[in-house]
PDB file of all heavy atoms in Angstrom:
ATOM      1  N   VAL A   1       5.690   5.126   1.885  1.00  0.00           N
ATOM      2  CA  VAL A   1       4.405   5.521   1.305  1.00  0.00           C
ATOM      3  C   VAL A   1       3.992   4.465   0.289  1.00  0.00           C
ATOM      4  O   VAL A   1       4.774   4.101  -0.589  1.00  0.00           O
ATOM      5  CB  VAL A   1       4.503   6.899   0.613  1.00  0.00           C
ATOM      6  CG1 VAL A   1       3.181   7.273  -0.031  1.00  0.00           C
ATOM      7  CG2 VAL A   1       4.941   7.969   1.599  1.00  0.00           C
ATOM      8  N   VAL A   2       2.762   3.983   0.421  1.00  0.00           N
ATOM      9  CA  VAL A   2       2.238   3.012  -0.537  1.00  0.00           C
ATOM     10  C   VAL A   2       2.001   3.737  -1.860  1.00  0.00           C
ATOM     11  O   VAL A   2       1.295   4.740  -1.914  1.00  0.00           O
ATOM     12  CB  VAL A   2       0.920   2.380  -0.036  1.00  0.00           C
ATOM     13  CG1 VAL A   2       0.329   1.451  -1.093  1.00  0.00           C
ATOM     14  CG2 VAL A   2       1.144   1.643   1.272  1.00  0.00           C
ATOM     15  N   ARG A   3       2.632   3.250  -2.916  1.00  0.00           N
ATOM     16  CA  ARG A   3       2.484   3.856  -4.246  1.00  0.00           C
ATOM     17  C   ARG A   3       1.427   3.149  -5.077  1.00  0.00           C
ATOM     18  O   ARG A   3       0.757   3.772  -5.886  1.00  0.00           O
ATOM     19  CB  ARG A   3       3.821   3.877  -4.986  1.00  0.00           C
ATOM     20  CG  ARG A   3       4.829   4.801  -4.352  1.00  0.00           C
ATOM     21  CD  ARG A   3       4.289   6.204  -4.345  1.00  0.00           C
ATOM     22  NE  ARG A   3       5.200   7.129  -3.675  1.00  0.00           N
ATOM     23  CZ  ARG A   3       4.830   8.275  -3.176  1.00  0.00           C
ATOM     24  NH1 ARG A   3       3.571   8.661  -3.235  1.00  0.00           N
ATOM     25  NH2 ARG A   3       5.705   9.061  -2.596  1.00  0.00           N
ATOM     26  N   SER A   4       1.278   1.831  -4.875  1.00  0.00           N
ATOM     27  CA  SER A   4       0.233   1.089  -5.586  1.00  0.00           C
ATOM     28  C   SER A   4      -0.012  -0.232  -4.874  1.00  0.00           C
ATOM     29  O   SER A   4       0.807  -0.687  -4.085  1.00  0.00           O
ATOM     30  CB  SER A   4       0.637   0.839  -7.042  1.00  0.00           C
ATOM     31  OG  SER A   4       1.788   0.027  -7.110  1.00  0.00           O
ATOM     32  N   ILE A   5      -1.169  -0.816  -5.161  1.00  0.00           N
ATOM     33  CA  ILE A   5      -1.530  -2.127  -4.641  1.00  0.00           C
ATOM     34  C   ILE A   5      -1.703  -3.052  -5.839  1.00  0.00           C
ATOM     35  O   ILE A   5      -2.363  -2.709  -6.815  1.00  0.00           O
ATOM     36  CB  ILE A   5      -2.856  -2.077  -3.846  1.00  0.00           C
ATOM     37  CG1 ILE A   5      -2.752  -1.126  -2.666  1.00  0.00           C
ATOM     38  CG2 ILE A   5      -3.283  -3.474  -3.409  1.00  0.00           C
ATOM     39  CD1 ILE A   5      -1.857  -1.591  -1.547  1.00  0.00           C
ATOM     40  N   ARG A   6      -1.091  -4.217  -5.747  1.00  0.00           N
ATOM     41  CA  ARG A   6      -1.255  -5.229  -6.803  1.00  0.00           C
ATOM     42  C   ARG A   6      -1.995  -6.410  -6.192  1.00  0.00           C
ATOM     43  O   ARG A   6      -1.436  -7.166  -5.408  1.00  0.00           O
ATOM     44  CB  ARG A   6       0.103  -5.633  -7.371  1.00  0.00           C
ATOM     45  CG  ARG A   6       0.745  -4.491  -8.142  1.00  0.00           C
ATOM     46  CD  ARG A   6       2.023  -4.904  -8.818  1.00  0.00           C
ATOM     47  NE  ARG A   6       3.108  -4.915  -7.843  1.00  0.00           N
ATOM     48  CZ  ARG A   6       4.126  -5.771  -7.869  1.00  0.00           C
ATOM     49  NH1 ARG A   6       4.189  -6.699  -8.796  1.00  0.00           N
ATOM     50  NH2 ARG A   6       5.079  -5.703  -6.961  1.00  0.00           N
ATOM     51  N   ARG A   7      -3.252  -6.526  -6.546  1.00  0.00           N
ATOM     52  CA  ARG A   7      -4.115  -7.565  -5.983  1.00  0.00           C
ATOM     53  C   ARG A   7      -3.672  -8.947  -6.456  1.00  0.00           C
ATOM     54  O   ARG A   7      -3.422  -9.156  -7.635  1.00  0.00           O
ATOM     55  CB  ARG A   7      -5.577  -7.330  -6.378  1.00  0.00           C
ATOM     56  CG  ARG A   7      -6.116  -5.973  -5.942  1.00  0.00           C
ATOM     57  CD  ARG A   7      -6.366  -5.922  -4.462  1.00  0.00           C
ATOM     58  NE  ARG A   7      -6.822  -4.575  -4.082  1.00  0.00           N
ATOM     59  CZ  ARG A   7      -6.621  -4.048  -2.899  1.00  0.00           C
ATOM     60  NH1 ARG A   7      -5.983  -4.723  -1.980  1.00  0.00           N
ATOM     61  NH2 ARG A   7      -7.046  -2.848  -2.625  1.00  0.00           N
ATOM     62  N   LYS A   8      -3.550  -9.853  -5.495  1.00  0.00           N
ATOM     63  CA  LYS A   8      -3.243 -11.267  -5.734  1.00  0.00           C
ATOM     64  C   LYS A   8      -1.971 -11.493  -6.549  1.00  0.00           C
ATOM     65  O   LYS A   8      -1.837 -12.477  -7.247  1.00  0.00           O
ATOM     66  CB  LYS A   8      -4.434 -11.949  -6.406  1.00  0.00           C
ATOM     67  CG  LYS A   8      -5.674 -11.873  -5.533  1.00  0.00           C
ATOM     68  CD  LYS A   8      -6.827 -12.632  -6.112  1.00  0.00           C
ATOM     69  CE  LYS A   8      -7.999 -12.450  -5.160  1.00  0.00           C
ATOM     70  NZ  LYS A   8      -9.109 -13.235  -5.410  1.00  0.00           N
ATOM     71  N   ALA A   9      -1.006 -10.574  -6.433  1.00  0.00           N
ATOM     72  CA  ALA A   9       0.241 -10.682  -7.206  1.00  0.00           C
ATOM     73  C   ALA A   9       1.349 -11.408  -6.448  1.00  0.00           C
ATOM     74  O   ALA A   9       2.370 -11.749  -7.027  1.00  0.00           O
ATOM     75  CB  ALA A   9       0.731  -9.292  -7.608  1.00  0.00           C
ATOM     76  N   GLY A  10       1.147 -11.644  -5.159  1.00  0.00           N
ATOM     77  CA  GLY A  10       2.193 -12.265  -4.355  1.00  0.00           C
ATOM     78  C   GLY A  10       2.071 -13.773  -4.276  1.00  0.00           C
ATOM     79  O   GLY A  10       1.143 -14.377  -4.826  1.00  0.00           O
ATOM     80  N   THR A  11       2.993 -14.368  -3.570  1.00  0.00           N
ATOM     81  CA  THR A  11       2.988 -15.811  -3.365  1.00  0.00           C
ATOM     82  C   THR A  11       1.676 -16.246  -2.722  1.00  0.00           C
ATOM     83  O   THR A  11       1.231 -15.633  -1.760  1.00  0.00           O
ATOM     84  CB  THR A  11       4.169 -16.223  -2.461  1.00  0.00           C
ATOM     85  OG1 THR A  11       5.373 -15.753  -3.053  1.00  0.00           O
ATOM     86  CG2 THR A  11       4.231 -17.719  -2.274  1.00  0.00           C
ATOM     87  N   GLY A  12       1.073 -17.273  -3.283  1.00  0.00           N
ATOM     88  CA  GLY A  12      -0.188 -17.766  -2.739  1.00  0.00           C
ATOM     89  C   GLY A  12      -1.357 -16.841  -3.002  1.00  0.00           C
ATOM     90  O   GLY A  12      -2.410 -16.981  -2.391  1.00  0.00           O
ATOM     91  N   GLY A  13      -1.159 -15.880  -3.882  1.00  0.00           N
ATOM     92  CA  GLY A  13      -2.250 -14.966  -4.221  1.00  0.00           C
ATOM     93  C   GLY A  13      -2.461 -13.821  -3.252  1.00  0.00           C
ATOM     94  O   GLY A  13      -3.503 -13.169  -3.266  1.00  0.00           O
ATOM     95  N   CYS A  14      -1.465 -13.533  -2.407  1.00  0.00           N
ATOM     96  CA  CYS A  14      -1.628 -12.404  -1.473  1.00  0.00           C
ATOM     97  C   CYS A  14      -1.438 -11.080  -2.223  1.00  0.00           C
ATOM     98  O   CYS A  14      -0.791 -11.016  -3.265  1.00  0.00           O
ATOM     99  CB  CYS A  14      -0.654 -12.513  -0.309  1.00  0.00           C
ATOM    100  SG  CYS A  14       1.058 -12.149  -0.704  1.00  0.00           S
ATOM    101  N   ASP A  15      -2.033 -10.048  -1.687  1.00  0.00           N
ATOM    102  CA  ASP A  15      -1.880  -8.713  -2.265  1.00  0.00           C
ATOM    103  C   ASP A  15      -0.487  -8.177  -1.939  1.00  0.00           C
ATOM    104  O   ASP A  15       0.061  -8.452  -0.870  1.00  0.00           O
ATOM    105  CB  ASP A  15      -2.915  -7.745  -1.694  1.00  0.00           C
ATOM    106  CG  ASP A  15      -4.337  -8.113  -2.106  1.00  0.00           C
ATOM    107  OD1 ASP A  15      -4.501  -8.918  -3.044  1.00  0.00           O
ATOM    108  OD2 ASP A  15      -5.283  -7.579  -1.490  1.00  0.00           O
ATOM    109  N   LEU A  16       0.068  -7.407  -2.858  1.00  0.00           N
ATOM    110  CA  LEU A  16       1.351  -6.745  -2.638  1.00  0.00           C
ATOM    111  C   LEU A  16       1.158  -5.240  -2.682  1.00  0.00           C
ATOM    112  O   LEU A  16       0.410  -4.724  -3.512  1.00  0.00           O
ATOM    113  CB  LEU A  16       2.362  -7.148  -3.712  1.00  0.00           C
ATOM    114  CG  LEU A  16       2.825  -8.593  -3.719  1.00  0.00           C
ATOM    115  CD1 LEU A  16       3.791  -8.830  -4.869  1.00  0.00           C
ATOM    116  CD2 LEU A  16       3.479  -8.968  -2.398  1.00  0.00           C
ATOM    117  N   ALA A  17       1.846  -4.554  -1.785  1.00  0.00           N
ATOM    118  CA  ALA A  17       1.863  -3.094  -1.780  1.00  0.00           C
ATOM    119  C   ALA A  17       3.249  -2.645  -2.232  1.00  0.00           C
ATOM    120  O   ALA A  17       4.256  -3.064  -1.659  1.00  0.00           O
ATOM    121  CB  ALA A  17       1.573  -2.564  -0.377  1.00  0.00           C
ATOM    122  N   ASP A  18       3.296  -1.828  -3.279  1.00  0.00           N
ATOM    123  CA  ASP A  18       4.566  -1.237  -3.705  1.00  0.00           C
ATOM    124  C   ASP A  18       4.796  -0.006  -2.836  1.00  0.00           C
ATOM    125  O   ASP A  18       4.021   0.948  -2.881  1.00  0.00           O
ATOM    126  CB  ASP A  18       4.515  -0.862  -5.187  1.00  0.00           C
ATOM    127  CG  ASP A  18       4.431  -2.092  -6.073  1.00  0.00           C
ATOM    128  OD1 ASP A  18       5.132  -3.079  -5.788  1.00  0.00           O
ATOM    129  OD2 ASP A  18       3.664  -2.071  -7.049  1.00  0.00           O
ATOM    130  N   VAL A  19       5.846  -0.047  -2.023  1.00  0.00           N
ATOM    131  CA  VAL A  19       6.105   0.993  -1.020  1.00  0.00           C
ATOM    132  C   VAL A  19       7.389   1.734  -1.367  1.00  0.00           C
ATOM    133  O   VAL A  19       8.431   1.118  -1.604  1.00  0.00           O
ATOM    134  CB  VAL A  19       6.203   0.382   0.395  1.00  0.00           C
ATOM    135  CG1 VAL A  19       6.525   1.450   1.429  1.00  0.00           C
ATOM    136  CG2 VAL A  19       4.910  -0.346   0.748  1.00  0.00           C
ATOM    137  N   GLU A  20       7.302   3.058  -1.372  1.00  0.00           N
ATOM    138  CA  GLU A  20       8.489   3.895  -1.575  1.00  0.00           C
ATOM    139  C   GLU A  20       9.035   4.286  -0.204  1.00  0.00           C
ATOM    140  O   GLU A  20       8.287   4.721   0.669  1.00  0.00           O
ATOM    141  CB  GLU A  20       8.140   5.153  -2.365  1.00  0.00           C
ATOM    142  CG  GLU A  20       9.332   6.039  -2.615  1.00  0.00           C
ATOM    143  CD  GLU A  20       9.007   7.262  -3.457  1.00  0.00           C
ATOM    144  OE1 GLU A  20       7.831   7.468  -3.813  1.00  0.00           O
ATOM    145  OE2 GLU A  20       9.941   8.011  -3.742  1.00  0.00           O
ATOM    146  N   PHE A  21      10.338   4.103  -0.054  1.00  0.00           N
ATOM    147  CA  PHE A  21      10.977   4.471   1.209  1.00  0.00           C
ATOM    148  C   PHE A  21      12.403   4.917   0.936  1.00  0.00           C
ATOM    149  O   PHE A  21      12.971   4.636  -0.112  1.00  0.00           O
ATOM    150  CB  PHE A  21      10.966   3.293   2.203  1.00  0.00           C
ATOM    151  CG  PHE A  21      11.774   2.104   1.764  1.00  0.00           C
ATOM    152  CD1 PHE A  21      13.075   1.933   2.198  1.00  0.00           C
ATOM    153  CD2 PHE A  21      11.229   1.159   0.909  1.00  0.00           C
ATOM    154  CE1 PHE A  21      13.826   0.835   1.791  1.00  0.00           C
ATOM    155  CE2 PHE A  21      11.969   0.053   0.500  1.00  0.00           C
ATOM    156  CZ  PHE A  21      13.267  -0.106   0.945  1.00  0.00           C
ATOM    157  N   GLN A  22      12.961   5.623   1.919  1.00  0.00           N
ATOM    158  CA  GLN A  22      14.348   6.068   1.831  1.00  0.00           C
ATOM    159  C   GLN A  22      15.194   5.168   2.710  1.00  0.00           C
ATOM    160  O   GLN A  22      14.914   5.002   3.902  1.00  0.00           O
ATOM    161  CB  GLN A  22      14.478   7.518   2.286  1.00  0.00           C
ATOM    162  CG  GLN A  22      15.874   8.063   2.124  1.00  0.00           C
ATOM    163  CD  GLN A  22      15.934   9.558   2.393  1.00  0.00           C
ATOM    164  OE1 GLN A  22      14.923  10.187   2.634  1.00  0.00           O
ATOM    165  NE2 GLN A  22      17.121  10.105   2.363  1.00  0.00           N
ATOM    166  N   ASP A  23      16.229   4.576   2.116  1.00  0.00           N
ATOM    167  CA  ASP A  23      17.132   3.711   2.859  1.00  0.00           C
ATOM    168  C   ASP A  23      17.871   4.548   3.894  1.00  0.00           C
ATOM    169  O   ASP A  23      18.522   5.534   3.550  1.00  0.00           O
ATOM    170  CB  ASP A  23      18.125   3.053   1.891  1.00  0.00           C
ATOM    171  CG  ASP A  23      18.987   2.015   2.564  1.00  0.00           C
ATOM    172  OD1 ASP A  23      19.593   2.326   3.615  1.00  0.00           O
ATOM    173  OD2 ASP A  23      19.067   0.905   2.042  1.00  0.00           O
ATOM    174  N   PRO A  24      17.772   4.196   5.189  1.00  0.00           N
ATOM    175  CA  PRO A  24      18.417   5.004   6.224  1.00  0.00           C
ATOM    176  C   PRO A  24      19.943   4.955   6.181  1.00  0.00           C
ATOM    177  O   PRO A  24      20.604   5.824   6.732  1.00  0.00           O
ATOM    178  CB  PRO A  24      17.888   4.408   7.526  1.00  0.00           C
ATOM    179  CG  PRO A  24      17.455   3.034   7.175  1.00  0.00           C
ATOM    180  CD  PRO A  24      17.046   3.056   5.740  1.00  0.00           C
ATOM    181  N   LEU A  25      20.497   3.960   5.531  1.00  0.00           N
ATOM    182  CA  LEU A  25      21.954   3.822   5.484  1.00  0.00           C
ATOM    183  C   LEU A  25      22.572   4.562   4.304  1.00  0.00           C
ATOM    184  O   LEU A  25      23.655   5.125   4.419  1.00  0.00           O
ATOM    185  CB  LEU A  25      22.341   2.343   5.426  1.00  0.00           C
ATOM    186  CG  LEU A  25      21.824   1.496   6.581  1.00  0.00           C
ATOM    187  CD1 LEU A  25      22.110   0.025   6.342  1.00  0.00           C
ATOM    188  CD2 LEU A  25      22.422   1.960   7.892  1.00  0.00           C
ATOM    189  N   THR A  26      21.889   4.554   3.167  1.00  0.00           N
ATOM    190  CA  THR A  26      22.459   5.135   1.951  1.00  0.00           C
ATOM    191  C   THR A  26      21.731   6.391   1.489  1.00  0.00           C
ATOM    192  O   THR A  26      22.200   7.069   0.581  1.00  0.00           O
ATOM    193  CB  THR A  26      22.420   4.122   0.803  1.00  0.00           C
ATOM    194  OG1 THR A  26      21.048   3.835   0.484  1.00  0.00           O
ATOM    195  CG2 THR A  26      23.147   2.839   1.169  1.00  0.00           C
ATOM    196  N   SER A  27      20.575   6.678   2.065  1.00  0.00           N
ATOM    197  CA  SER A  27      19.702   7.795   1.680  1.00  0.00           C
ATOM    198  C   SER A  27      19.113   7.632   0.280  1.00  0.00           C
ATOM    199  O   SER A  27      18.456   8.536  -0.215  1.00  0.00           O
ATOM    200  CB  SER A  27      20.421   9.148   1.778  1.00  0.00           C
ATOM    201  OG  SER A  27      20.774   9.392   3.121  1.00  0.00           O
ATOM    202  N   SER A  28      19.330   6.490  -0.358  1.00  0.00           N
ATOM    203  CA  SER A  28      18.726   6.273  -1.677  1.00  0.00           C
ATOM    204  C   SER A  28      17.261   5.881  -1.505  1.00  0.00           C
ATOM    205  O   SER A  28      16.866   5.318  -0.487  1.00  0.00           O
ATOM    206  CB  SER A  28      19.493   5.203  -2.454  1.00  0.00           C
ATOM    207  OG  SER A  28      19.493   3.990  -1.734  1.00  0.00           O
ATOM    208  N   ARG A  29      16.458   6.231  -2.499  1.00  0.00           N
ATOM    209  CA  ARG A  29      15.032   5.929  -2.466  1.00  0.00           C
ATOM    210  C   ARG A  29      14.773   4.650  -3.259  1.00  0.00           C
ATOM    211  O   ARG A  29      15.395   4.404  -4.281  1.00  0.00           O
ATOM    212  CB  ARG A  29      14.237   7.082  -3.041  1.00  0.00           C
ATOM    213  CG  ARG A  29      14.410   8.349  -2.170  1.00  0.00           C
ATOM    214  CD  ARG A  29      13.473   9.459  -2.520  1.00  0.00           C
ATOM    215  NE  ARG A  29      12.202   9.508  -1.849  1.00  0.00           N
ATOM    216  CZ  ARG A  29      11.958   9.476  -0.557  1.00  0.00           C
ATOM    217  NH1 ARG A  29      12.938   9.321   0.272  1.00  0.00           N
ATOM    218  NH2 ARG A  29      10.758   9.583  -0.069  1.00  0.00           N
ATOM    219  N   HIS A  30      13.830   3.858  -2.752  1.00  0.00           N
ATOM    220  CA  HIS A  30      13.476   2.593  -3.388  1.00  0.00           C
ATOM    221  C   HIS A  30      11.961   2.455  -3.414  1.00  0.00           C
ATOM    222  O   HIS A  30      11.271   2.968  -2.540  1.00  0.00           O
ATOM    223  CB  HIS A  30      14.041   1.397  -2.611  1.00  0.00           C
ATOM    224  CG  HIS A  30      15.512   1.444  -2.413  1.00  0.00           C
ATOM    225  ND1 HIS A  30      16.407   1.077  -3.387  1.00  0.00           N
ATOM    226  CD2 HIS A  30      16.254   1.830  -1.349  1.00  0.00           C
ATOM    227  CE1 HIS A  30      17.626   1.214  -2.934  1.00  0.00           C
ATOM    228  NE2 HIS A  30      17.569   1.681  -1.694  1.00  0.00           N
ATOM    229  N   ILE A  31      11.462   1.715  -4.390  1.00  0.00           N
ATOM    230  CA  ILE A  31      10.075   1.260  -4.390  1.00  0.00           C
ATOM    231  C   ILE A  31      10.141  -0.254  -4.523  1.00  0.00           C
ATOM    232  O   ILE A  31      10.625  -0.779  -5.520  1.00  0.00           O
ATOM    233  CB  ILE A  31       9.250   1.864  -5.540  1.00  0.00           C
ATOM    234  CG1 ILE A  31       9.178   3.387  -5.413  1.00  0.00           C
ATOM    235  CG2 ILE A  31       7.840   1.258  -5.538  1.00  0.00           C
ATOM    236  CD1 ILE A  31       8.453   4.067  -6.551  1.00  0.00           C
ATOM    237  N   LEU A  32       9.683  -0.942  -3.479  1.00  0.00           N
ATOM    238  CA  LEU A  32       9.734  -2.399  -3.450  1.00  0.00           C
ATOM    239  C   LEU A  32       8.383  -2.953  -3.019  1.00  0.00           C
ATOM    240  O   LEU A  32       7.627  -2.288  -2.297  1.00  0.00           O
ATOM    241  CB  LEU A  32      10.816  -2.871  -2.479  1.00  0.00           C
ATOM    242  CG  LEU A  32      12.257  -2.540  -2.858  1.00  0.00           C
ATOM    243  CD1 LEU A  32      13.198  -2.904  -1.725  1.00  0.00           C
ATOM    244  CD2 LEU A  32      12.652  -3.267  -4.128  1.00  0.00           C
ATOM    245  N   PRO A  33       8.084  -4.189  -3.428  1.00  0.00           N
ATOM    246  CA  PRO A  33       6.809  -4.801  -3.031  1.00  0.00           C
ATOM    247  C   PRO A  33       6.888  -5.428  -1.634  1.00  0.00           C
ATOM    248  O   PRO A  33       7.897  -6.019  -1.263  1.00  0.00           O
ATOM    249  CB  PRO A  33       6.613  -5.892  -4.093  1.00  0.00           C
ATOM    250  CG  PRO A  33       8.001  -6.266  -4.501  1.00  0.00           C
ATOM    251  CD  PRO A  33       8.821  -5.005  -4.380  1.00  0.00           C
ATOM    252  N   PHE A  34       5.810  -5.271  -0.888  1.00  0.00           N
ATOM    253  CA  PHE A  34       5.703  -5.850   0.444  1.00  0.00           C
ATOM    254  C   PHE A  34       4.335  -6.492   0.604  1.00  0.00           C
ATOM    255  O   PHE A  34       3.333  -5.951   0.152  1.00  0.00           O
ATOM    256  CB  PHE A  34       5.857  -4.779   1.532  1.00  0.00           C
ATOM    257  CG  PHE A  34       7.226  -4.195   1.615  1.00  0.00           C
ATOM    258  CD1 PHE A  34       7.560  -3.079   0.870  1.00  0.00           C
ATOM    259  CD2 PHE A  34       8.178  -4.771   2.426  1.00  0.00           C
ATOM    260  CE1 PHE A  34       8.835  -2.537   0.936  1.00  0.00           C
ATOM    261  CE2 PHE A  34       9.457  -4.239   2.501  1.00  0.00           C
ATOM    262  CZ  PHE A  34       9.786  -3.121   1.756  1.00  0.00           C
ATOM    263  N   ALA A  35       4.304  -7.640   1.274  1.00  0.00           N
ATOM    264  CA  ALA A  35       3.032  -8.256   1.651  1.00  0.00           C
ATOM    265  C   ALA A  35       2.477  -7.504   2.862  1.00  0.00           C
ATOM    266  O   ALA A  35       3.230  -6.915   3.649  1.00  0.00           O
ATOM    267  CB  ALA A  35       3.239  -9.725   1.988  1.00  0.00           C
ATOM    268  N   GLY A  36       1.183  -7.525   3.001  1.00  0.00           N
ATOM    269  CA  GLY A  36       0.508  -6.795   4.079  1.00  0.00           C
ATOM    270  C   GLY A  36       1.058  -7.021   5.469  1.00  0.00           C
ATOM    271  O   GLY A  36       1.225  -6.067   6.236  1.00  0.00           O
ATOM    272  N   PRO A  37       1.386  -8.268   5.869  1.00  0.00           N
ATOM    273  CA  PRO A  37       1.889  -8.479   7.231  1.00  0.00           C
ATOM    274  C   PRO A  37       3.231  -7.809   7.520  1.00  0.00           C
ATOM    275  O   PRO A  37       3.624  -7.695   8.667  1.00  0.00           O
ATOM    276  CB  PRO A  37       2.014 -10.009   7.322  1.00  0.00           C
ATOM    277  CG  PRO A  37       1.033 -10.529   6.331  1.00  0.00           C
ATOM    278  CD  PRO A  37       1.051  -9.539   5.203  1.00  0.00           C
TER     279      PRO A  37
END
């Protein structure tokens, strides 16, 4: 689930989406930044 968008925060000025997900191996939850592609 996208928790927030950070405009032009990535390498080369790309937008980053902070995404919350559950690790399928450990069941722990994480929020990490991802580029759109």
